[in-house]
Amino acid sequence: MARIEFTANLQRHVACPEADVAGTTVREVLEGVFARNPRARGYVLDDQAALRKHMNIFVDGEAIRDRAGLSDAVSESSCIFVFQALSGG
């Protein structure tokens, strides 16, 4: 199962503990997380079920490409990292 981790920054708003979740795409893994923790969905996804603009997801150190469909591939040994984008100057 893929390992998914959320930053402490995100966890200030909603508890998102590390988890091992089955899935072959980012969407499948996220849906596994949201099944256990429905509140997290609203912080990560928008009303169109796409990744919110202020969120980023990396799989095995690479930024995902499909922010709308979340179809990027995930393997059994993948590490998925979800975090809020930082901006400002």
PDB file of N, CA and C in Angstrom:
ATOM      1  N   MET A   1       0.831  -1.190   0.000  1.00  0.00           N
ATOM      2  CA  MET A   1       0.000   0.000   0.000  1.00  0.00           C
ATOM      3  C   MET A   1       0.870   1.246   0.000  1.00  0.00           C
ATOM      4  N   ALA A   2       0.382   2.270  -0.653  1.00  0.00           N
ATOM      5  CA  ALA A   2       1.097   3.541  -0.693  1.00  0.00           C
ATOM      6  C   ALA A   2       1.005   4.227   0.669  1.00  0.00           C
ATOM      7  N   ARG A   3       2.031   4.965   1.013  1.00  0.00           N
ATOM      8  CA  ARG A   3       2.067   5.743   2.259  1.00  0.00           C
ATOM      9  C   ARG A   3       1.689   7.178   1.909  1.00  0.00           C
ATOM     10  N   ILE A   4       0.716   7.756   2.627  1.00  0.00           N
ATOM     11  CA  ILE A   4       0.319   9.142   2.402  1.00  0.00           C
ATOM     12  C   ILE A   4       0.550   9.938   3.673  1.00  0.00           C
ATOM     13  N   GLU A   5       1.130  11.126   3.497  1.00  0.00           N
ATOM     14  CA  GLU A   5       1.454  12.000   4.617  1.00  0.00           C
ATOM     15  C   GLU A   5       0.939  13.399   4.326  1.00  0.00           C
ATOM     16  N   PHE A   6       0.480  14.075   5.367  1.00  0.00           N
ATOM     17  CA  PHE A   6      -0.014  15.447   5.282  1.00  0.00           C
ATOM     18  C   PHE A   6       0.849  16.319   6.189  1.00  0.00           C
ATOM     19  N   THR A   7       1.120  17.547   5.764  1.00  0.00           N
ATOM     20  CA  THR A   7       1.960  18.428   6.571  1.00  0.00           C
ATOM     21  C   THR A   7       1.281  18.811   7.879  1.00  0.00           C
ATOM     22  N   ALA A   8       2.105  19.181   8.838  1.00  0.00           N
ATOM     23  CA  ALA A   8       1.594  19.652  10.124  1.00  0.00           C
ATOM     24  C   ALA A   8       0.760  20.913   9.926  1.00  0.00           C
ATOM     25  N   ASN A   9       1.124  21.731   8.952  1.00  0.00           N
ATOM     26  CA  ASN A   9       0.373  22.941   8.644  1.00  0.00           C
ATOM     27  C   ASN A   9      -1.084  22.619   8.325  1.00  0.00           C
ATOM     28  N   LEU A  10      -1.308  21.618   7.498  1.00  0.00           N
ATOM     29  CA  LEU A  10      -2.660  21.191   7.139  1.00  0.00           C
ATOM     30  C   LEU A  10      -3.370  20.574   8.345  1.00  0.00           C
ATOM     31  N   GLN A  11      -2.622  19.882   9.163  1.00  0.00           N
ATOM     32  CA  GLN A  11      -3.227  19.207  10.305  1.00  0.00           C
ATOM     33  C   GLN A  11      -3.667  20.181  11.398  1.00  0.00           C
ATOM     34  N   ARG A  12      -3.245  21.438  11.312  1.00  0.00           N
ATOM     35  CA  ARG A  12      -3.765  22.437  12.242  1.00  0.00           C
ATOM     36  C   ARG A  12      -5.262  22.653  12.025  1.00  0.00           C
ATOM     37  N   HIS A  13      -5.739  22.374  10.808  1.00  0.00           N
ATOM     38  CA  HIS A  13      -7.144  22.587  10.452  1.00  0.00           C
ATOM     39  C   HIS A  13      -7.974  21.311  10.532  1.00  0.00           C
ATOM     40  N   VAL A  14      -7.367  20.198  10.197  1.00  0.00           N
ATOM     41  CA  VAL A  14      -8.081  18.919  10.208  1.00  0.00           C
ATOM     42  C   VAL A  14      -7.058  17.806  10.434  1.00  0.00           C
ATOM     43  N   ALA A  15      -7.386  16.882  11.313  1.00  0.00           N
ATOM     44  CA  ALA A  15      -6.474  15.769  11.601  1.00  0.00           C
ATOM     45  C   ALA A  15      -6.342  14.877  10.372  1.00  0.00           C
ATOM     46  N   CYS A  16      -5.112  14.661   9.951  1.00  0.00           N
ATOM     47  CA  CYS A  16      -4.815  13.811   8.790  1.00  0.00           C
ATOM     48  C   CYS A  16      -3.577  12.980   9.114  1.00  0.00           C
ATOM     49  N   PRO A  17      -3.723  11.945   9.909  1.00  0.00           N
ATOM     50  CA  PRO A  17      -2.549  11.148  10.256  1.00  0.00           C
ATOM     51  C   PRO A  17      -1.990  10.411   9.041  1.00  0.00           C
ATOM     52  N   GLU A  18      -0.706  10.073   9.125  1.00  0.00           N
ATOM     53  CA  GLU A  18      -0.095   9.240   8.084  1.00  0.00           C
ATOM     54  C   GLU A  18      -0.901   7.963   7.958  1.00  0.00           C
ATOM     55  N   ALA A  19      -0.955   7.435   6.738  1.00  0.00           N
ATOM     56  CA  ALA A  19      -1.721   6.209   6.537  1.00  0.00           C
ATOM     57  C   ALA A  19      -1.139   5.427   5.371  1.00  0.00           C
ATOM     58  N   ASP A  20      -1.343   4.132   5.409  1.00  0.00           N
ATOM     59  CA  ASP A  20      -1.054   3.259   4.276  1.00  0.00           C
ATOM     60  C   ASP A  20      -2.394   2.967   3.625  1.00  0.00           C
ATOM     61  N   VAL A  21      -2.507   3.307   2.332  1.00  0.00           N
ATOM     62  CA  VAL A  21      -3.785   3.205   1.643  1.00  0.00           C
ATOM     63  C   VAL A  21      -3.583   2.526   0.293  1.00  0.00           C
ATOM     64  N   ALA A  22      -4.480   1.615  -0.046  1.00  0.00           N
ATOM     65  CA  ALA A  22      -4.425   0.932  -1.332  1.00  0.00           C
ATOM     66  C   ALA A  22      -4.922   1.861  -2.436  1.00  0.00           C
ATOM     67  N   GLY A  23      -4.364   1.713  -3.624  1.00  0.00           N
ATOM     68  CA  GLY A  23      -4.798   2.472  -4.783  1.00  0.00           C
ATOM     69  C   GLY A  23      -3.722   2.482  -5.849  1.00  0.00           C
ATOM     70  N   THR A  24      -4.145   2.690  -7.095  1.00  0.00           N
ATOM     71  CA  THR A  24      -3.190   2.743  -8.207  1.00  0.00           C
ATOM     72  C   THR A  24      -3.061   4.143  -8.781  1.00  0.00           C
ATOM     73  N   THR A  25      -3.916   5.071  -8.297  1.00  0.00           N
ATOM     74  CA  THR A  25      -3.830   6.475  -8.709  1.00  0.00           C
ATOM     75  C   THR A  25      -3.915   7.350  -7.463  1.00  0.00           C
ATOM     76  N   VAL A  26      -3.522   8.607  -7.631  1.00  0.00           N
ATOM     77  CA  VAL A  26      -3.624   9.551  -6.522  1.00  0.00           C
ATOM     78  C   VAL A  26      -5.077   9.648  -6.067  1.00  0.00           C
ATOM     79  N   ARG A  27      -6.018   9.707  -7.003  1.00  0.00           N
ATOM     80  CA  ARG A  27      -7.434   9.808  -6.638  1.00  0.00           C
ATOM     81  C   ARG A  27      -7.864   8.622  -5.783  1.00  0.00           C
ATOM     82  N   GLU A  28      -7.504   7.400  -6.160  1.00  0.00           N
ATOM     83  CA  GLU A  28      -7.904   6.214  -5.402  1.00  0.00           C
ATOM     84  C   GLU A  28      -7.347   6.263  -3.978  1.00  0.00           C
ATOM     85  N   VAL A  29      -6.109   6.684  -3.835  1.00  0.00           N
ATOM     86  CA  VAL A  29      -5.512   6.768  -2.502  1.00  0.00           C
ATOM     87  C   VAL A  29      -6.225   7.842  -1.680  1.00  0.00           C
ATOM     88  N   LEU A  30      -6.450   9.018  -2.289  1.00  0.00           N
ATOM     89  CA  LEU A  30      -7.154  10.075  -1.567  1.00  0.00           C
ATOM     90  C   LEU A  30      -8.557   9.639  -1.160  1.00  0.00           C
ATOM     91  N   GLU A  31      -9.264   8.951  -2.046  1.00  0.00           N
ATOM     92  CA  GLU A  31     -10.613   8.483  -1.706  1.00  0.00           C
ATOM     93  C   GLU A  31     -10.565   7.516  -0.525  1.00  0.00           C
ATOM     94  N   GLY A  32      -9.513   6.716  -0.444  1.00  0.00           N
ATOM     95  CA  GLY A  32      -9.337   5.842   0.718  1.00  0.00           C
ATOM     96  C   GLY A  32      -9.155   6.634   1.997  1.00  0.00           C
ATOM     97  N   VAL A  33      -8.396   7.723   1.913  1.00  0.00           N
ATOM     98  CA  VAL A  33      -8.204   8.600   3.077  1.00  0.00           C
ATOM     99  C   VAL A  33      -9.527   9.263   3.445  1.00  0.00           C
ATOM    100  N   PHE A  34     -10.248   9.782   2.454  1.00  0.00           N
ATOM    101  CA  PHE A  34     -11.486  10.502   2.718  1.00  0.00           C
ATOM    102  C   PHE A  34     -12.588   9.591   3.237  1.00  0.00           C
ATOM    103  N   ALA A  35     -12.538   8.324   2.885  1.00  0.00           N
ATOM    104  CA  ALA A  35     -13.521   7.368   3.426  1.00  0.00           C
ATOM    105  C   ALA A  35     -13.361   7.249   4.942  1.00  0.00           C
ATOM    106  N   ARG A  36     -12.130   7.343   5.398  1.00  0.00           N
ATOM    107  CA  ARG A  36     -11.838   7.281   6.838  1.00  0.00           C
ATOM    108  C   ARG A  36     -11.980   8.646   7.508  1.00  0.00           C
ATOM    109  N   ASN A  37     -11.786   9.705   6.722  1.00  0.00           N
ATOM    110  CA  ASN A  37     -11.724  11.057   7.265  1.00  0.00           C
ATOM    111  C   ASN A  37     -12.412  12.028   6.297  1.00  0.00           C
ATOM    112  N   PRO A  38     -13.745  12.025   6.248  1.00  0.00           N
ATOM    113  CA  PRO A  38     -14.469  12.857   5.283  1.00  0.00           C
ATOM    114  C   PRO A  38     -14.187  14.355   5.398  1.00  0.00           C
ATOM    115  N   ARG A  39     -13.879  14.832   6.584  1.00  0.00           N
ATOM    116  CA  ARG A  39     -13.606  16.259   6.770  1.00  0.00           C
ATOM    117  C   ARG A  39     -12.396  16.730   5.969  1.00  0.00           C
ATOM    118  N   ALA A  40     -11.446  15.848   5.746  1.00  0.00           N
ATOM    119  CA  ALA A  40     -10.226  16.221   5.026  1.00  0.00           C
ATOM    120  C   ALA A  40     -10.502  16.566   3.565  1.00  0.00           C
ATOM    121  N   ARG A  41     -11.542  15.985   2.996  1.00  0.00           N
ATOM    122  CA  ARG A  41     -11.857  16.213   1.580  1.00  0.00           C
ATOM    123  C   ARG A  41     -11.965  17.710   1.256  1.00  0.00           C
ATOM    124  N   GLY A  42     -12.686  18.455   2.054  1.00  0.00           N
ATOM    125  CA  GLY A  42     -12.905  19.875   1.795  1.00  0.00           C
ATOM    126  C   GLY A  42     -11.656  20.728   1.878  1.00  0.00           C
ATOM    127  N   TYR A  43     -10.654  20.249   2.583  1.00  0.00           N
ATOM    128  CA  TYR A  43      -9.400  20.998   2.672  1.00  0.00           C
ATOM    129  C   TYR A  43      -8.480  20.697   1.498  1.00  0.00           C
ATOM    130  N   VAL A  44      -8.631  19.524   0.906  1.00  0.00           N
ATOM    131  CA  VAL A  44      -7.731  19.100  -0.165  1.00  0.00           C
ATOM    132  C   VAL A  44      -8.344  19.319  -1.551  1.00  0.00           C
ATOM    133  N   LEU A  45      -9.637  19.018  -1.694  1.00  0.00           N
ATOM    134  CA  LEU A  45     -10.306  19.101  -2.998  1.00  0.00           C
ATOM    135  C   LEU A  45     -11.318  20.236  -3.033  1.00  0.00           C
ATOM    136  N   ASP A  46     -11.540  20.791  -4.233  1.00  0.00           N
ATOM    137  CA  ASP A  46     -12.553  21.830  -4.402  1.00  0.00           C
ATOM    138  C   ASP A  46     -13.909  21.203  -4.702  1.00  0.00           C
ATOM    139  N   ASP A  47     -14.896  22.028  -5.042  1.00  0.00           N
ATOM    140  CA  ASP A  47     -16.246  21.512  -5.283  1.00  0.00           C
ATOM    141  C   ASP A  47     -16.374  20.725  -6.586  1.00  0.00           C
ATOM    142  N   GLN A  48     -15.345  20.734  -7.414  1.00  0.00           N
ATOM    143  CA  GLN A  48     -15.315  19.941  -8.646  1.00  0.00           C
ATOM    144  C   GLN A  48     -14.482  18.669  -8.473  1.00  0.00           C
ATOM    145  N   ALA A  49     -14.091  18.383  -7.233  1.00  0.00           N
ATOM    146  CA  ALA A  49     -13.272  17.222  -6.878  1.00  0.00           C
ATOM    147  C   ALA A  49     -11.861  17.286  -7.465  1.00  0.00           C
ATOM    148  N   ALA A  50     -11.403  18.494  -7.785  1.00  0.00           N
ATOM    149  CA  ALA A  50     -10.028  18.719  -8.253  1.00  0.00           C
ATOM    150  C   ALA A  50      -9.207  19.228  -7.072  1.00  0.00           C
ATOM    151  N   LEU A  51      -7.906  19.123  -7.196  1.00  0.00           N
ATOM    152  CA  LEU A  51      -7.008  19.607  -6.151  1.00  0.00           C
ATOM    153  C   LEU A  51      -7.156  21.122  -6.027  1.00  0.00           C
ATOM    154  N   ARG A  52      -7.343  21.599  -4.803  1.00  0.00           N
ATOM    155  CA  ARG A  52      -7.468  23.042  -4.578  1.00  0.00           C
ATOM    156  C   ARG A  52      -6.199  23.756  -5.047  1.00  0.00           C
ATOM    157  N   LYS A  53      -6.356  25.002  -5.469  1.00  0.00           N
ATOM    158  CA  LYS A  53      -5.233  25.771  -5.997  1.00  0.00           C
ATOM    159  C   LYS A  53      -4.123  25.957  -4.981  1.00  0.00           C
ATOM    160  N   HIS A  54      -4.456  26.029  -3.719  1.00  0.00           N
ATOM    161  CA  HIS A  54      -3.437  26.259  -2.693  1.00  0.00           C
ATOM    162  C   HIS A  54      -2.836  24.966  -2.142  1.00  0.00           C
ATOM    163  N   MET A  55      -3.155  23.825  -2.767  1.00  0.00           N
ATOM    164  CA  MET A  55      -2.639  22.529  -2.323  1.00  0.00           C
ATOM    165  C   MET A  55      -1.670  21.973  -3.368  1.00  0.00           C
ATOM    166  N   ASN A  56      -0.729  21.182  -2.913  1.00  0.00           N
ATOM    167  CA  ASN A  56       0.198  20.470  -3.793  1.00  0.00           C
ATOM    168  C   ASN A  56       0.297  19.026  -3.336  1.00  0.00           C
ATOM    169  N   ILE A  57       0.525  18.152  -4.286  1.00  0.00           N
ATOM    170  CA  ILE A  57       0.740  16.735  -3.979  1.00  0.00           C
ATOM    171  C   ILE A  57       1.971  16.274  -4.751  1.00  0.00           C
ATOM    172  N   PHE A  58       2.856  15.594  -4.045  1.00  0.00           N
ATOM    173  CA  PHE A  58       4.032  14.975  -4.658  1.00  0.00           C
ATOM    174  C   PHE A  58       3.931  13.472  -4.467  1.00  0.00           C
ATOM    175  N   VAL A  59       4.275  12.742  -5.506  1.00  0.00           N
ATOM    176  CA  VAL A  59       4.351  11.279  -5.448  1.00  0.00           C
ATOM    177  C   VAL A  59       5.805  10.911  -5.716  1.00  0.00           C
ATOM    178  N   ASP A  60       6.408  10.269  -4.753  1.00  0.00           N
ATOM    179  CA  ASP A  60       7.811   9.853  -4.876  1.00  0.00           C
ATOM    180  C   ASP A  60       8.712  11.015  -5.292  1.00  0.00           C
ATOM    181  N   GLY A  61       8.473  12.178  -4.702  1.00  0.00           N
ATOM    182  CA  GLY A  61       9.320  13.339  -4.933  1.00  0.00           C
ATOM    183  C   GLY A  61       9.012  14.152  -6.167  1.00  0.00           C
ATOM    184  N   GLU A  62       7.983  13.771  -6.924  1.00  0.00           N
ATOM    185  CA  GLU A  62       7.615  14.494  -8.150  1.00  0.00           C
ATOM    186  C   GLU A  62       6.217  15.076  -8.009  1.00  0.00           C
ATOM    187  N   ALA A  63       6.050  16.340  -8.417  1.00  0.00           N
ATOM    188  CA  ALA A  63       4.736  16.973  -8.384  1.00  0.00           C
ATOM    189  C   ALA A  63       3.791  16.246  -9.334  1.00  0.00           C
ATOM    190  N   ILE A  64       2.540  16.069  -8.908  1.00  0.00           N
ATOM    191  CA  ILE A  64       1.577  15.421  -9.805  1.00  0.00           C
ATOM    192  C   ILE A  64       1.292  16.341 -10.979  1.00  0.00           C
ATOM    193  N   ARG A  65       0.898  15.752 -12.085  1.00  0.00           N
ATOM    194  CA  ARG A  65       0.604  16.521 -13.302  1.00  0.00           C
ATOM    195  C   ARG A  65      -0.891  16.773 -13.462  1.00  0.00           C
ATOM    196  N   ASP A  66      -1.705  15.814 -13.051  1.00  0.00           N
ATOM    197  CA  ASP A  66      -3.153  15.888 -13.256  1.00  0.00           C
ATOM    198  C   ASP A  66      -3.829  16.406 -11.984  1.00  0.00           C
ATOM    199  N   ARG A  67      -3.938  17.719 -11.879  1.00  0.00           N
ATOM    200  CA  ARG A  67      -4.543  18.326 -10.689  1.00  0.00           C
ATOM    201  C   ARG A  67      -6.070  18.214 -10.706  1.00  0.00           C
ATOM    202  N   ALA A  68      -6.662  17.989 -11.860  1.00  0.00           N
ATOM    203  CA  ALA A  68      -8.127  17.883 -11.957  1.00  0.00           C
ATOM    204  C   ALA A  68      -8.596  16.446 -11.750  1.00  0.00           C
ATOM    205  N   GLY A  69      -8.033  15.519 -12.513  1.00  0.00           N
ATOM    206  CA  GLY A  69      -8.472  14.129 -12.435  1.00  0.00           C
ATOM    207  C   GLY A  69      -7.733  13.291 -11.414  1.00  0.00           C
ATOM    208  N   LEU A  70      -6.557  13.785 -10.981  1.00  0.00           N
ATOM    209  CA  LEU A  70      -5.720  13.083 -10.001  1.00  0.00           C
ATOM    210  C   LEU A  70      -5.409  11.654 -10.450  1.00  0.00           C
ATOM    211  N   SER A  71      -5.135  11.520 -11.753  1.00  0.00           N
ATOM    212  CA  SER A  71      -4.907  10.203 -12.339  1.00  0.00           C
ATOM    213  C   SER A  71      -3.450   9.754 -12.324  1.00  0.00           C
ATOM    214  N   ASP A  72      -2.562  10.527 -11.730  1.00  0.00           N
ATOM    215  CA  ASP A  72      -1.144  10.146 -11.664  1.00  0.00           C
ATOM    216  C   ASP A  72      -1.011   8.778 -10.997  1.00  0.00           C
ATOM    217  N   ALA A  73      -0.126   7.959 -11.535  1.00  0.00           N
ATOM    218  CA  ALA A  73       0.042   6.590 -11.050  1.00  0.00           C
ATOM    219  C   ALA A  73       0.714   6.541  -9.677  1.00  0.00           C
ATOM    220  N   VAL A  74       0.313   5.547  -8.917  1.00  0.00           N
ATOM    221  CA  VAL A  74       0.854   5.293  -7.584  1.00  0.00           C
ATOM    222  C   VAL A  74       1.176   3.802  -7.516  1.00  0.00           C
ATOM    223  N   SER A  75       2.329   3.467  -6.949  1.00  0.00           N
ATOM    224  CA  SER A  75       2.686   2.057  -6.778  1.00  0.00           C
ATOM    225  C   SER A  75       2.521   1.658  -5.317  1.00  0.00           C
ATOM    226  N   GLU A  76       2.654   0.391  -5.058  1.00  0.00           N
ATOM    227  CA  GLU A  76       2.540  -0.128  -3.690  1.00  0.00           C
ATOM    228  C   GLU A  76       3.572   0.503  -2.757  1.00  0.00           C
ATOM    229  N   SER A  77       4.706   0.905  -3.317  1.00  0.00           N
ATOM    230  CA  SER A  77       5.779   1.456  -2.480  1.00  0.00           C
ATOM    231  C   SER A  77       5.866   2.984  -2.545  1.00  0.00           C
ATOM    232  N   SER A  78       4.876   3.631  -3.167  1.00  0.00           N
ATOM    233  CA  SER A  78       4.915   5.086  -3.319  1.00  0.00           C
ATOM    234  C   SER A  78       4.726   5.808  -1.993  1.00  0.00           C
ATOM    235  N   CYS A  79       5.344   6.979  -1.920  1.00  0.00           N
ATOM    236  CA  CYS A  79       5.136   7.895  -0.806  1.00  0.00           C
ATOM    237  C   CYS A  79       4.464   9.139  -1.383  1.00  0.00           C
ATOM    238  N   ILE A  80       3.292   9.468  -0.868  1.00  0.00           N
ATOM    239  CA  ILE A  80       2.512  10.614  -1.334  1.00  0.00           C
ATOM    240  C   ILE A  80       2.556  11.665  -0.241  1.00  0.00           C
ATOM    241  N   PHE A  81       2.881  12.893  -0.634  1.00  0.00           N
ATOM    242  CA  PHE A  81       3.004  13.979   0.329  1.00  0.00           C
ATOM    243  C   PHE A  81       2.035  15.089  -0.086  1.00  0.00           C
ATOM    244  N   VAL A  82       1.143  15.476   0.830  1.00  0.00           N
ATOM    245  CA  VAL A  82       0.126  16.494   0.576  1.00  0.00           C
ATOM    246  C   VAL A  82       0.451  17.715   1.438  1.00  0.00           C
ATOM    247  N   PHE A  83       0.540  18.880   0.803  1.00  0.00           N
ATOM    248  CA  PHE A  83       0.854  20.072   1.580  1.00  0.00           C
ATOM    249  C   PHE A  83       0.235  21.323   0.969  1.00  0.00           C
ATOM    250  N   GLN A  84       0.137  22.347   1.767  1.00  0.00           N
ATOM    251  CA  GLN A  84      -0.371  23.625   1.308  1.00  0.00           C
ATOM    252  C   GLN A  84       0.745  24.384   0.620  1.00  0.00           C
ATOM    253  N   ALA A  85       0.401  24.995  -0.512  1.00  0.00           N
ATOM    254  CA  ALA A  85       1.365  25.823  -1.217  1.00  0.00           C
ATOM    255  C   ALA A  85       1.596  27.100  -0.429  1.00  0.00           C
ATOM    256  N   LEU A  86       2.797  27.598  -0.468  1.00  0.00           N
ATOM    257  CA  LEU A  86       3.129  28.838   0.218  1.00  0.00           C
ATOM    258  C   LEU A  86       3.261  29.946  -0.803  1.00  0.00           C
ATOM    259  N   SER A  87       2.825  31.125  -0.428  1.00  0.00           N
ATOM    260  CA  SER A  87       2.970  32.278  -1.322  1.00  0.00           C
ATOM    261  C   SER A  87       3.288  33.500  -0.471  1.00  0.00           C
ATOM    262  N   GLY A  88       3.602  34.539  -1.131  1.00  0.00           N
ATOM    263  CA  GLY A  88       3.923  35.772  -0.426  1.00  0.00           C
ATOM    264  C   GLY A  88       5.265  36.301  -0.844  1.00  0.00           C
ATOM    265  N   GLY A  89       5.675  37.336  -0.214  1.00  0.00           N
ATOM    266  CA  GLY A  89       6.945  37.917  -0.626  1.00  0.00           C
ATOM    267  C   GLY A  89       7.629  38.600   0.501  1.00  0.00           C
TER     268      GLY A  89
END
